[in-house]
């Protein structure tokens, strides 16, 4: 009979339990995790379909779209400021007392009739108002651009959340597979331990210890299944679907890993991040406000014309017309216009400073996401080797135990090491997918160029 150190065995059992706790925690705690199965062979959602559903159902996208349309309507409003105003006014007036003058031969001329009709056609056209009118047009177009960029920013955030939720689903699925494989390994070891016990080559302790490991693995699998249901509801919530909708997702292509360069990433971000475009346009809009406020101190020239049809009287014809050219020159406004100009200039400086802050934040975000992506790639490479080594180690340990020359401690240690390696590999793989999705968002969801480095799995 082979002698065994029971205290060492107990410590290894505790390590095994902690390993399963780690796996269970990854499934339970990771935000948005869920494992999807296609019930009855139903169609699985792809990543693109998930993004489309999220964009269609997200209320923030609808709000930003309405804002974009409203801003677009300000463009014709600004253009209309320079066009002529044409109005038609019609009125019927009852009045009294009636006044008439006799003209001889029994006739009279009415000066104030008991009623009168008036029909007025009038036109007003601003000929000059400084640069306020063209500046208003430019500001309106820029405002529409800001609203469009804001919509794009909202859409990109929704896309990022959808991607992260999608990859979390696949992460949970893979982690559950790890838990299930650990359970199968424990059951197989229990079978071998029972066979050796029946043959009288191992003590009852080996069987009992193996039964405990199986029970622990089964417990964590139950927890993982429950976490799957909870995470499925979270995924549906992210897509704006009923929380009890079936969740079944298509696996993503993981045939190659990409690590873009920092220079390429920064160039893409500076060109395509909507926040940067908003910051730049905000500075330009503020400059246009300065122009508009300056125009308030300059003369304004207006052309007016009127054609008036009315009820004829003894002292007036039945029509008259006039054309007037008006000049308004501001003389004194208690310093109001100057103060508004100074305020607008300060806003220009403020927006310029905020734009610089945004650029620095974007550069830092790009750097961080790129470093996270590279780290995940390196972890995938190392953990892949660890899995291969751990699988070989377990094969040798199981073989030694079956031949009666190894201990249960060796086999338990090998199983724990393999589970740890598989968890690390799975974490690294889906950390990469999540980090790459964040990188895409950091550079404005740009397509990756052909200059990226590919690392085959």
Protein backbone atom coordinates (compact mmCIF):
# COMPACT_ATOMS: atom_id res chain seq x y z
CA UNK A 1 0.00 0.00 0.00
CA UNK A 2 1.37 3.42 -0.96
CA UNK A 3 1.58 5.89 1.98
CA UNK A 4 0.24 9.42 1.44
CA UNK A 5 0.56 12.73 3.31
CA UNK A 6 -3.02 13.57 4.27
CA UNK A 7 -2.21 17.20 5.18
CA UNK A 8 -0.69 17.82 1.72
CA UNK A 9 -3.72 16.18 0.14
CA UNK A 10 -5.99 18.46 2.09
CA UNK A 11 -4.08 21.56 0.97
CA UNK A 12 -4.32 20.46 -2.67
CA UNK A 13 -8.04 19.90 -2.25
CA UNK A 14 -8.40 23.41 -0.88
CA UNK A 15 -6.46 24.76 -3.88
CA UNK A 16 -8.79 22.84 -6.19
CA UNK A 17 -11.79 24.38 -4.48
CA UNK A 18 -10.32 27.88 -4.79
CA UNK A 19 -9.71 27.26 -8.50
CA UNK A 20 -13.34 26.34 -9.04
CA UNK A 21 -14.37 29.40 -7.03
CA UNK A 22 -12.33 31.57 -9.40
CA UNK A 23 -14.03 30.05 -12.44
CA UNK A 24 -17.45 30.47 -10.87
CA UNK A 25 -16.70 34.07 -9.96
CA UNK A 26 -15.63 34.86 -13.52
CA UNK A 27 -18.99 33.60 -14.77
CA UNK A 28 -21.01 35.29 -12.06
CA UNK A 29 -19.29 38.63 -11.65
CA UNK A 30 -18.15 39.57 -15.17
CA UNK A 31 -20.55 42.30 -16.35
CA UNK A 32 -22.98 41.25 -19.04
CA UNK A 33 -21.91 37.61 -19.09
CA UNK A 34 -24.27 35.04 -20.49
CA UNK A 35 -24.01 31.68 -22.15
CA UNK A 36 -26.32 31.13 -25.09
CA UNK A 37 -27.69 27.96 -26.54
CA UNK A 38 -29.90 27.76 -29.57
CA UNK A 39 -32.99 26.00 -28.40
CA UNK A 40 -34.48 23.72 -30.96
CA UNK A 41 -31.80 24.58 -33.51
CA UNK A 42 -32.98 28.17 -33.87
CA UNK A 43 -31.08 30.88 -35.69
CA UNK A 44 -28.18 32.42 -33.78
CA UNK A 45 -27.60 36.14 -33.71
CA UNK A 46 -24.41 37.41 -35.30
CA UNK A 47 -22.45 40.34 -33.93
CA UNK A 48 -23.67 42.61 -36.74
CA UNK A 49 -27.29 41.62 -36.11
CA UNK A 50 -26.92 42.30 -32.39
CA UNK A 51 -25.52 45.75 -33.11
CA UNK A 52 -28.35 46.48 -35.54
CA UNK A 53 -30.98 45.50 -32.96
CA UNK A 54 -29.32 47.62 -30.27
CA UNK A 55 -29.17 50.66 -32.57
CA UNK A 56 -32.82 50.26 -33.52
CA UNK A 57 -34.03 49.87 -29.94
CA UNK A 58 -31.80 52.28 -28.05
CA UNK A 59 -33.74 55.42 -27.00
CA UNK A 60 -30.55 57.48 -26.85
CA UNK A 61 -30.06 56.99 -30.59
CA UNK A 62 -33.62 58.15 -31.26
CA UNK A 63 -33.09 61.21 -29.07
CA UNK A 64 -29.86 62.15 -30.84
CA UNK A 65 -31.49 61.61 -34.24
CA UNK A 66 -34.32 63.98 -33.34
CA UNK A 67 -31.74 66.51 -32.22
CA UNK A 68 -29.93 66.16 -35.54
CA UNK A 69 -33.13 66.75 -37.49
CA UNK A 70 -33.99 69.79 -35.38
CA UNK A 71 -30.52 71.25 -35.95
CA UNK A 72 -30.86 70.62 -39.67
CA UNK A 73 -34.03 72.71 -39.73
CA UNK A 74 -32.10 75.70 -38.37
CA UNK A 75 -30.20 75.97 -41.66
CA UNK A 76 -33.19 77.16 -43.74
CA UNK A 77 -34.18 79.40 -40.82
CA UNK A 78 -30.78 81.10 -40.99
CA UNK A 79 -30.97 81.41 -44.77
CA UNK A 80 -34.40 83.00 -44.52
CA UNK A 81 -32.98 85.94 -42.54
CA UNK A 82 -31.55 87.50 -45.71
CA UNK A 83 -34.61 86.95 -47.89
CA UNK A 84 -37.45 89.48 -48.26
CA UNK A 85 -40.48 89.46 -46.00
CA UNK A 86 -43.71 89.82 -48.01
CA UNK A 87 -47.03 90.25 -46.22
CA UNK A 88 -50.63 90.80 -47.29
CA UNK A 89 -52.96 92.49 -44.84
CA UNK A 90 -56.72 92.79 -45.36
CA UNK A 91 -59.19 94.46 -43.02
CA UNK A 92 -62.81 95.65 -42.88
CA UNK A 93 -63.55 98.50 -40.46
CA UNK A 94 -66.88 99.81 -39.16
CA UNK A 95 -66.61 103.39 -37.92
CA UNK A 96 -68.65 106.48 -37.06
CA UNK A 97 -69.88 109.08 -37.11
CA UNK A 98 -70.15 109.44 -40.86
CA UNK A 99 -68.99 112.82 -42.17
CA UNK A 100 -70.08 114.26 -45.54
CA UNK A 101 -69.86 117.64 -47.25
CA UNK A 102 -72.50 118.96 -49.66
CA UNK A 103 -71.24 119.63 -53.17
CA UNK A 104 -74.34 121.35 -54.58
CA UNK A 105 -77.22 120.16 -56.78
CA UNK A 106 -78.36 117.94 -53.92
CA UNK A 107 -75.20 115.81 -53.79
CA UNK A 108 -72.54 115.35 -51.10
CA UNK A 109 -69.03 113.93 -50.72
CA UNK A 110 -68.33 111.43 -47.97
CA UNK A 111 -65.22 112.19 -45.96
CA UNK A 112 -65.57 109.54 -43.25
CA UNK A 113 -67.67 106.59 -44.43
CA UNK A 114 -69.45 104.26 -42.05
CA UNK A 115 -67.14 101.43 -43.15
CA UNK A 116 -63.91 100.96 -45.05
CA UNK A 117 -61.88 98.18 -46.65
CA UNK A 118 -58.07 98.06 -46.65
CA UNK A 119 -55.78 95.75 -48.63
CA UNK A 120 -52.05 96.13 -48.07
CA UNK A 121 -49.16 94.43 -49.85
CA UNK A 122 -45.86 95.18 -48.12
CA UNK A 123 -42.25 94.10 -48.58
CA UNK A 124 -39.24 94.42 -46.30
CA UNK A 125 -35.68 93.51 -47.25
CA UNK A 126 -32.52 93.83 -45.15
CA UNK A 127 -29.76 95.05 -47.40
CA UNK A 128 -26.94 95.25 -44.89
CA UNK A 129 -26.53 94.13 -41.29
CA UNK A 130 -22.80 93.75 -40.99
CA UNK A 131 -21.65 90.14 -41.27
CA UNK A 132 -24.34 88.81 -38.95
CA UNK A 133 -26.47 87.16 -41.64
CA UNK A 134 -23.74 85.08 -43.36
CA UNK A 135 -22.26 84.30 -39.93
CA UNK A 136 -25.65 83.02 -38.78
CA UNK A 137 -25.84 80.77 -41.82
CA UNK A 138 -22.41 79.34 -41.19
CA UNK A 139 -23.20 78.83 -37.50
CA UNK A 140 -26.41 76.98 -38.38
CA UNK A 141 -24.55 74.62 -40.73
CA UNK A 142 -21.91 74.02 -38.08
CA UNK A 143 -24.61 73.38 -35.49
CA UNK A 144 -26.16 70.75 -37.75
CA UNK A 145 -22.73 69.17 -38.08
CA UNK A 146 -22.33 69.11 -34.29
CA UNK A 147 -25.71 67.39 -33.93
CA UNK A 148 -24.72 64.82 -36.56
CA UNK A 149 -21.42 64.15 -34.79
CA UNK A 150 -23.25 63.84 -31.48
CA UNK A 151 -25.53 61.24 -33.05
CA UNK A 152 -22.48 59.36 -34.33
CA UNK A 153 -20.93 59.46 -30.86
CA UNK A 154 -24.10 57.99 -29.34
CA UNK A 155 -24.23 55.28 -32.00
CA UNK A 156 -20.59 54.36 -31.42
CA UNK A 157 -21.22 54.03 -27.69
CA UNK A 158 -24.15 51.73 -28.38
CA UNK A 159 -21.99 49.71 -30.78
CA UNK A 160 -19.27 49.37 -28.15
CA UNK A 161 -21.70 48.25 -25.45
CA UNK A 162 -23.20 45.73 -27.86
CA UNK A 163 -19.78 44.34 -28.76
CA UNK A 164 -18.65 44.05 -25.15
CA UNK A 165 -21.92 42.35 -24.21
CA UNK A 166 -21.62 40.01 -27.17
CA UNK A 167 -18.04 39.02 -26.33
CA UNK A 168 -19.05 38.59 -22.70
CA UNK A 169 -21.60 36.04 -23.85
CA UNK A 170 -18.91 34.09 -25.65
CA UNK A 171 -16.56 34.46 -22.69
CA UNK A 172 -19.20 33.01 -20.37
CA UNK A 173 -19.81 30.14 -22.75
CA UNK A 174 -16.12 29.30 -22.86
CA UNK A 175 -15.75 29.56 -19.08
CA UNK A 176 -18.71 27.26 -18.58
CA UNK A 177 -17.02 24.77 -20.89
CA UNK A 178 -13.96 24.98 -18.64
CA UNK A 179 -16.11 24.22 -15.59
CA UNK A 180 -17.79 21.32 -17.40
CA UNK A 181 -14.43 19.91 -18.48
CA UNK A 182 -13.15 20.17 -14.91
CA UNK A 183 -16.21 18.22 -13.79
CA UNK A 184 -15.57 15.51 -16.38
CA UNK A 185 -11.95 15.24 -15.27
CA UNK A 186 -13.05 14.88 -11.66
CA UNK A 187 -15.59 12.20 -12.58
CA UNK A 188 -13.02 10.29 -14.58
CA UNK A 189 -10.58 10.41 -11.70
CA UNK A 190 -13.34 9.17 -9.38
CA UNK A 191 -13.93 6.24 -11.70
CA UNK A 192 -10.23 5.37 -11.67
CA UNK A 193 -10.06 5.78 -7.87
CA UNK A 194 -13.03 3.42 -7.45
CA UNK A 195 -11.38 0.87 -9.70
CA UNK A 196 -8.14 1.05 -7.71
CA UNK A 197 -10.02 0.85 -4.43
CA UNK A 198 -11.89 -2.24 -5.61
CA UNK A 199 -8.55 -3.72 -6.55
CA UNK A 200 -7.20 -2.86 -3.09
CA UNK A 201 -4.39 -0.64 -4.33
CA UNK A 202 -5.60 2.66 -2.84
CA UNK A 203 -7.30 3.57 0.44
CA UNK A 204 -10.90 4.65 0.82
CA UNK A 205 -9.60 8.20 1.36
CA UNK A 206 -8.79 8.52 -2.37
CA UNK A 207 -12.37 7.67 -3.29
CA UNK A 208 -13.85 10.04 -0.73
CA UNK A 209 -11.55 12.87 -1.81
CA UNK A 210 -12.52 12.29 -5.44
CA UNK A 211 -16.20 12.30 -4.54
CA UNK A 212 -15.77 15.66 -2.80
CA UNK A 213 -14.08 17.10 -5.89
CA UNK A 214 -16.93 15.88 -8.10
CA UNK A 215 -19.54 17.35 -5.76
CA UNK A 216 -17.73 20.69 -5.69
CA UNK A 217 -17.46 20.78 -9.47
CA UNK A 218 -21.17 19.95 -9.80
CA UNK A 219 -22.01 22.76 -7.37
CA UNK A 220 -20.08 25.31 -9.39
CA UNK A 221 -21.66 24.09 -12.62
CA UNK A 222 -25.09 24.72 -11.10
CA UNK A 223 -23.97 28.23 -10.17
CA UNK A 224 -22.65 28.77 -13.67
CA UNK A 225 -25.96 27.68 -15.21
CA UNK A 226 -27.83 30.11 -12.95
CA UNK A 227 -25.41 32.87 -13.89
CA UNK A 228 -26.11 32.11 -17.54
CA UNK A 229 -29.81 32.82 -17.05
CA UNK A 230 -29.10 36.07 -15.21
CA UNK A 231 -26.58 37.22 -17.79
CA UNK A 232 -28.94 36.35 -20.62
CA UNK A 233 -31.38 38.86 -19.20
CA UNK A 234 -28.59 41.47 -19.06
CA UNK A 235 -27.69 40.85 -22.69
CA UNK A 236 -31.31 41.26 -23.77
CA UNK A 237 -31.52 44.48 -21.78
CA UNK A 238 -28.45 45.83 -23.59
CA UNK A 239 -30.18 45.15 -26.93
CA UNK A 240 -33.48 46.65 -25.78
CA UNK A 241 -35.28 43.31 -26.04
CA UNK A 242 -37.58 41.63 -23.50
CA UNK A 243 -35.37 40.23 -20.75
CA UNK A 244 -36.79 36.74 -21.15
CA UNK A 245 -36.02 36.52 -24.89
CA UNK A 246 -34.02 33.43 -25.90
CA UNK A 247 -30.32 34.19 -26.33
CA UNK A 248 -28.30 32.30 -28.93
CA UNK A 249 -25.21 33.88 -30.45
CA UNK A 250 -22.91 32.98 -33.31
CA UNK A 251 -19.24 32.51 -32.46
CA UNK A 252 -16.85 35.16 -33.80
CA UNK A 253 -13.95 34.47 -36.11
CA UNK A 254 -10.83 34.19 -33.96
CA UNK A 255 -8.46 33.03 -36.69
CA UNK A 256 -6.13 36.00 -36.28
CA UNK A 257 -5.22 38.60 -33.69
CA UNK A 258 -4.49 42.18 -34.67
CA UNK A 259 -2.19 44.67 -32.97
CA UNK A 260 -2.38 48.08 -34.69
CA UNK A 261 0.47 50.54 -34.35
CA UNK A 262 0.26 53.57 -32.08
CA UNK A 263 0.91 55.99 -34.93
CA UNK A 264 -1.85 54.51 -37.06
CA UNK A 265 -4.24 54.47 -34.10
CA UNK A 266 -3.63 58.12 -33.22
CA UNK A 267 -4.03 59.19 -36.85
CA UNK A 268 -7.34 57.36 -37.14
CA UNK A 269 -8.59 58.77 -33.85
CA UNK A 270 -7.71 62.36 -34.71
CA UNK A 271 -9.45 62.01 -38.06
CA UNK A 272 -12.55 60.11 -37.03
CA UNK A 273 -13.47 60.61 -33.37
CA UNK A 274 -16.77 62.53 -33.34
CA UNK A 275 -15.86 64.24 -30.05
CA UNK A 276 -12.90 65.90 -31.75
CA UNK A 277 -15.07 67.11 -34.61
CA UNK A 278 -17.57 68.49 -32.12
CA UNK A 279 -14.80 70.30 -30.23
CA UNK A 280 -13.42 71.82 -33.44
CA UNK A 281 -16.82 72.94 -34.67
CA UNK A 282 -17.67 74.39 -31.26
CA UNK A 283 -14.66 76.71 -31.55
CA UNK A 284 -15.75 77.80 -35.03
CA UNK A 285 -19.33 78.39 -33.88
CA UNK A 286 -18.04 80.55 -31.04
CA UNK A 287 -16.02 82.57 -33.54
CA UNK A 288 -19.15 83.10 -35.63
CA UNK A 289 -20.88 84.35 -32.47
CA UNK A 290 -18.16 86.98 -32.13
CA UNK A 291 -18.88 88.10 -35.70
CA UNK A 292 -22.60 88.28 -35.00
CA UNK A 293 -22.12 90.32 -31.84
CA UNK A 294 -19.75 92.71 -33.61
CA UNK A 295 -22.40 93.29 -36.27
CA UNK A 296 -24.70 94.65 -33.57
CA UNK A 297 -22.48 97.74 -33.37
CA UNK A 298 -22.61 98.45 -37.10
CA UNK A 299 -25.25 100.26 -39.19
CA UNK A 300 -28.16 98.35 -40.68
CA UNK A 301 -29.82 99.22 -44.01
CA UNK A 302 -33.36 98.11 -44.76
CA UNK A 303 -35.53 98.57 -47.87
CA UNK A 304 -39.31 98.71 -47.43
CA UNK A 305 -42.16 99.02 -49.95
CA UNK A 306 -45.94 99.12 -49.58
CA UNK A 307 -48.95 99.15 -51.88
CA UNK A 308 -52.25 100.04 -50.21
CA UNK A 309 -55.76 99.62 -51.64
CA UNK A 310 -58.53 101.26 -49.63
CA UNK A 311 -62.04 102.64 -49.77
CA UNK A 312 -61.95 105.99 -51.61
CA UNK A 313 -63.13 109.14 -49.86
CA UNK A 314 -63.51 112.75 -50.80
CA UNK A 315 -59.99 113.47 -49.62
CA UNK A 316 -58.16 110.28 -50.68
CA UNK A 317 -57.78 107.98 -53.64
CA UNK A 318 -58.56 104.30 -53.47
CA UNK A 319 -54.84 103.43 -53.38
CA UNK A 320 -51.41 104.71 -52.48
CA UNK A 321 -47.84 103.31 -52.38
CA UNK A 322 -44.44 104.11 -50.91
CA UNK A 323 -40.84 102.91 -50.98
CA UNK A 324 -38.48 103.66 -48.09
CA UNK A 325 -34.77 103.14 -47.54
CA UNK A 326 -33.93 103.10 -43.84
CA UNK A 327 -30.60 103.42 -42.09
CA UNK A 328 -30.15 102.54 -38.42
CA UNK A 329 -26.91 103.54 -36.73
CA UNK A 330 -26.31 102.38 -33.14
CA UNK A 331 -25.12 105.31 -31.04
CA UNK A 332 -25.36 104.32 -27.39
CA UNK A 333 -26.37 100.99 -25.82
CA UNK A 334 -24.77 101.34 -22.38
CA UNK A 335 -21.81 99.12 -23.42
CA UNK A 336 -24.04 96.09 -24.05
CA UNK A 337 -22.65 95.23 -27.52
CA UNK A 338 -19.01 95.49 -26.39
CA UNK A 339 -19.68 93.26 -23.41
CA UNK A 340 -21.30 90.64 -25.64
CA UNK A 341 -18.30 90.68 -27.97
CA UNK A 342 -15.92 90.16 -25.04
CA UNK A 343 -18.09 87.33 -23.73
CA UNK A 344 -18.08 85.60 -27.13
CA UNK A 345 -14.29 85.86 -27.35
CA UNK A 346 -13.95 84.23 -23.94
CA UNK A 347 -16.20 81.42 -25.10
CA UNK A 348 -13.92 80.92 -28.12
CA UNK A 349 -10.91 80.58 -25.80
CA UNK A 350 -12.88 78.29 -23.49
CA UNK A 351 -13.96 76.00 -26.32
CA UNK A 352 -10.42 75.92 -27.70
CA UNK A 353 -9.12 74.85 -24.27
CA UNK A 354 -11.83 72.20 -23.96
CA UNK A 355 -10.92 70.91 -27.42
CA UNK A 356 -7.31 70.49 -26.32
CA UNK A 357 -8.50 68.57 -23.27
CA UNK A 358 -10.55 66.30 -25.51
CA UNK A 359 -7.56 65.66 -27.79
CA UNK A 360 -5.37 64.75 -24.84
CA UNK A 361 -8.03 62.46 -23.42
CA UNK A 362 -8.47 60.75 -26.79
CA UNK A 363 -4.72 60.23 -27.15
CA UNK A 364 -4.55 58.70 -23.67
CA UNK A 365 -7.55 56.47 -24.37
CA UNK A 366 -6.00 55.24 -27.62
CA UNK A 367 -2.71 54.50 -25.85
CA UNK A 368 -4.43 52.62 -23.04
CA UNK A 369 -6.64 50.53 -25.33
CA UNK A 370 -3.67 49.70 -27.53
CA UNK A 371 -1.60 48.59 -24.55
CA UNK A 372 -4.50 46.45 -23.30
CA UNK A 373 -4.84 44.87 -26.73
CA UNK A 374 -1.14 44.07 -26.93
CA UNK A 375 -1.16 42.68 -23.40
CA UNK A 376 -4.05 40.36 -24.26
CA UNK A 377 -2.22 39.12 -27.37
CA UNK A 378 0.88 38.29 -25.34
CA UNK A 379 -1.23 36.57 -22.68
CA UNK A 380 -2.90 34.46 -25.35
CA UNK A 381 0.48 33.32 -26.62
CA UNK A 382 1.79 32.40 -23.16
CA UNK A 383 -1.40 30.83 -21.81
CA UNK A 384 -1.78 28.75 -24.96
CA UNK A 385 1.59 27.18 -24.18
CA UNK A 386 0.55 26.76 -20.56
CA UNK A 387 -2.57 24.84 -21.59
CA UNK A 388 -0.53 22.49 -23.76
CA UNK A 389 1.98 21.90 -20.96
CA UNK A 390 -0.78 21.40 -18.37
CA UNK A 391 -2.60 18.90 -20.60
CA UNK A 392 0.59 16.88 -21.00
CA UNK A 393 1.26 17.08 -17.26
CA UNK A 394 -2.23 15.78 -16.49
CA UNK A 395 -1.84 12.97 -19.00
CA UNK A 396 1.38 11.83 -17.29
CA UNK A 397 -0.11 12.21 -13.79
CA UNK A 398 -3.21 10.20 -14.71
CA UNK A 399 -1.07 7.52 -16.32
CA UNK A 400 1.15 7.29 -13.23
CA UNK A 401 -1.90 7.06 -10.97
CA UNK A 402 -3.47 4.36 -13.12
CA UNK A 403 -0.23 2.37 -13.02
CA UNK A 404 -0.10 2.69 -9.25
CA UNK A 405 3.18 4.62 -9.13
CA UNK A 406 1.65 8.09 -8.79
CA UNK A 407 -0.35 9.69 -6.01
CA UNK A 408 -3.72 11.31 -5.95
CA UNK A 409 -1.93 14.49 -4.93
CA UNK A 410 -0.10 14.55 -8.27
CA UNK A 411 -3.31 14.00 -10.23
CA UNK A 412 -5.21 16.65 -8.26
CA UNK A 413 -2.40 19.13 -8.71
CA UNK A 414 -2.32 18.47 -12.45
CA UNK A 415 -6.08 18.94 -12.78
CA UNK A 416 -5.96 22.24 -10.89
CA UNK A 417 -3.08 23.44 -13.06
CA UNK A 418 -4.94 22.53 -16.26
CA UNK A 419 -8.13 24.26 -15.13
CA UNK A 420 -6.16 27.36 -14.17
CA UNK A 421 -4.39 27.38 -17.54
CA UNK A 422 -7.66 26.99 -19.46
CA UNK A 423 -9.29 29.78 -17.48
CA UNK A 424 -6.31 32.06 -18.10
CA UNK A 425 -6.36 31.29 -21.82
CA UNK A 426 -10.11 31.91 -22.07
CA UNK A 427 -9.80 35.15 -20.13
CA UNK A 428 -6.94 36.33 -22.32
CA UNK A 429 -8.77 35.45 -25.54
CA UNK A 430 -11.95 37.34 -24.70
CA UNK A 431 -10.07 40.14 -22.98
CA UNK A 432 -8.46 40.62 -26.39
CA UNK A 433 -11.83 40.74 -28.17
CA UNK A 434 -13.18 43.25 -25.64
CA UNK A 435 -9.98 45.33 -25.75
CA UNK A 436 -10.02 45.37 -29.54
CA UNK A 437 -13.65 46.52 -29.52
CA UNK A 438 -12.68 49.33 -27.15
CA UNK A 439 -9.76 50.18 -29.46
CA UNK A 440 -12.13 50.40 -32.43
CA UNK A 441 -14.29 52.79 -30.44
CA UNK A 442 -11.23 54.81 -29.39
CA UNK A 443 -10.25 55.41 -33.02
CA UNK A 444 -13.80 56.11 -34.16
CA UNK A 445 -14.83 52.58 -35.16
CA UNK A 446 -12.43 52.70 -38.11
CA UNK A 447 -11.63 49.78 -40.36
CA UNK A 448 -8.21 48.33 -39.73
CA UNK A 449 -5.72 48.92 -42.52
CA UNK A 450 -3.51 46.28 -44.08
CA UNK A 451 -0.52 47.48 -42.05
CA UNK A 452 -1.63 45.71 -38.87
CA UNK A 453 0.36 42.81 -37.51
CA UNK A 454 -1.37 39.45 -37.55
CA UNK A 455 -0.59 36.80 -34.95
CA UNK A 456 -2.12 33.42 -35.70
CA UNK A 457 -3.70 31.51 -32.87
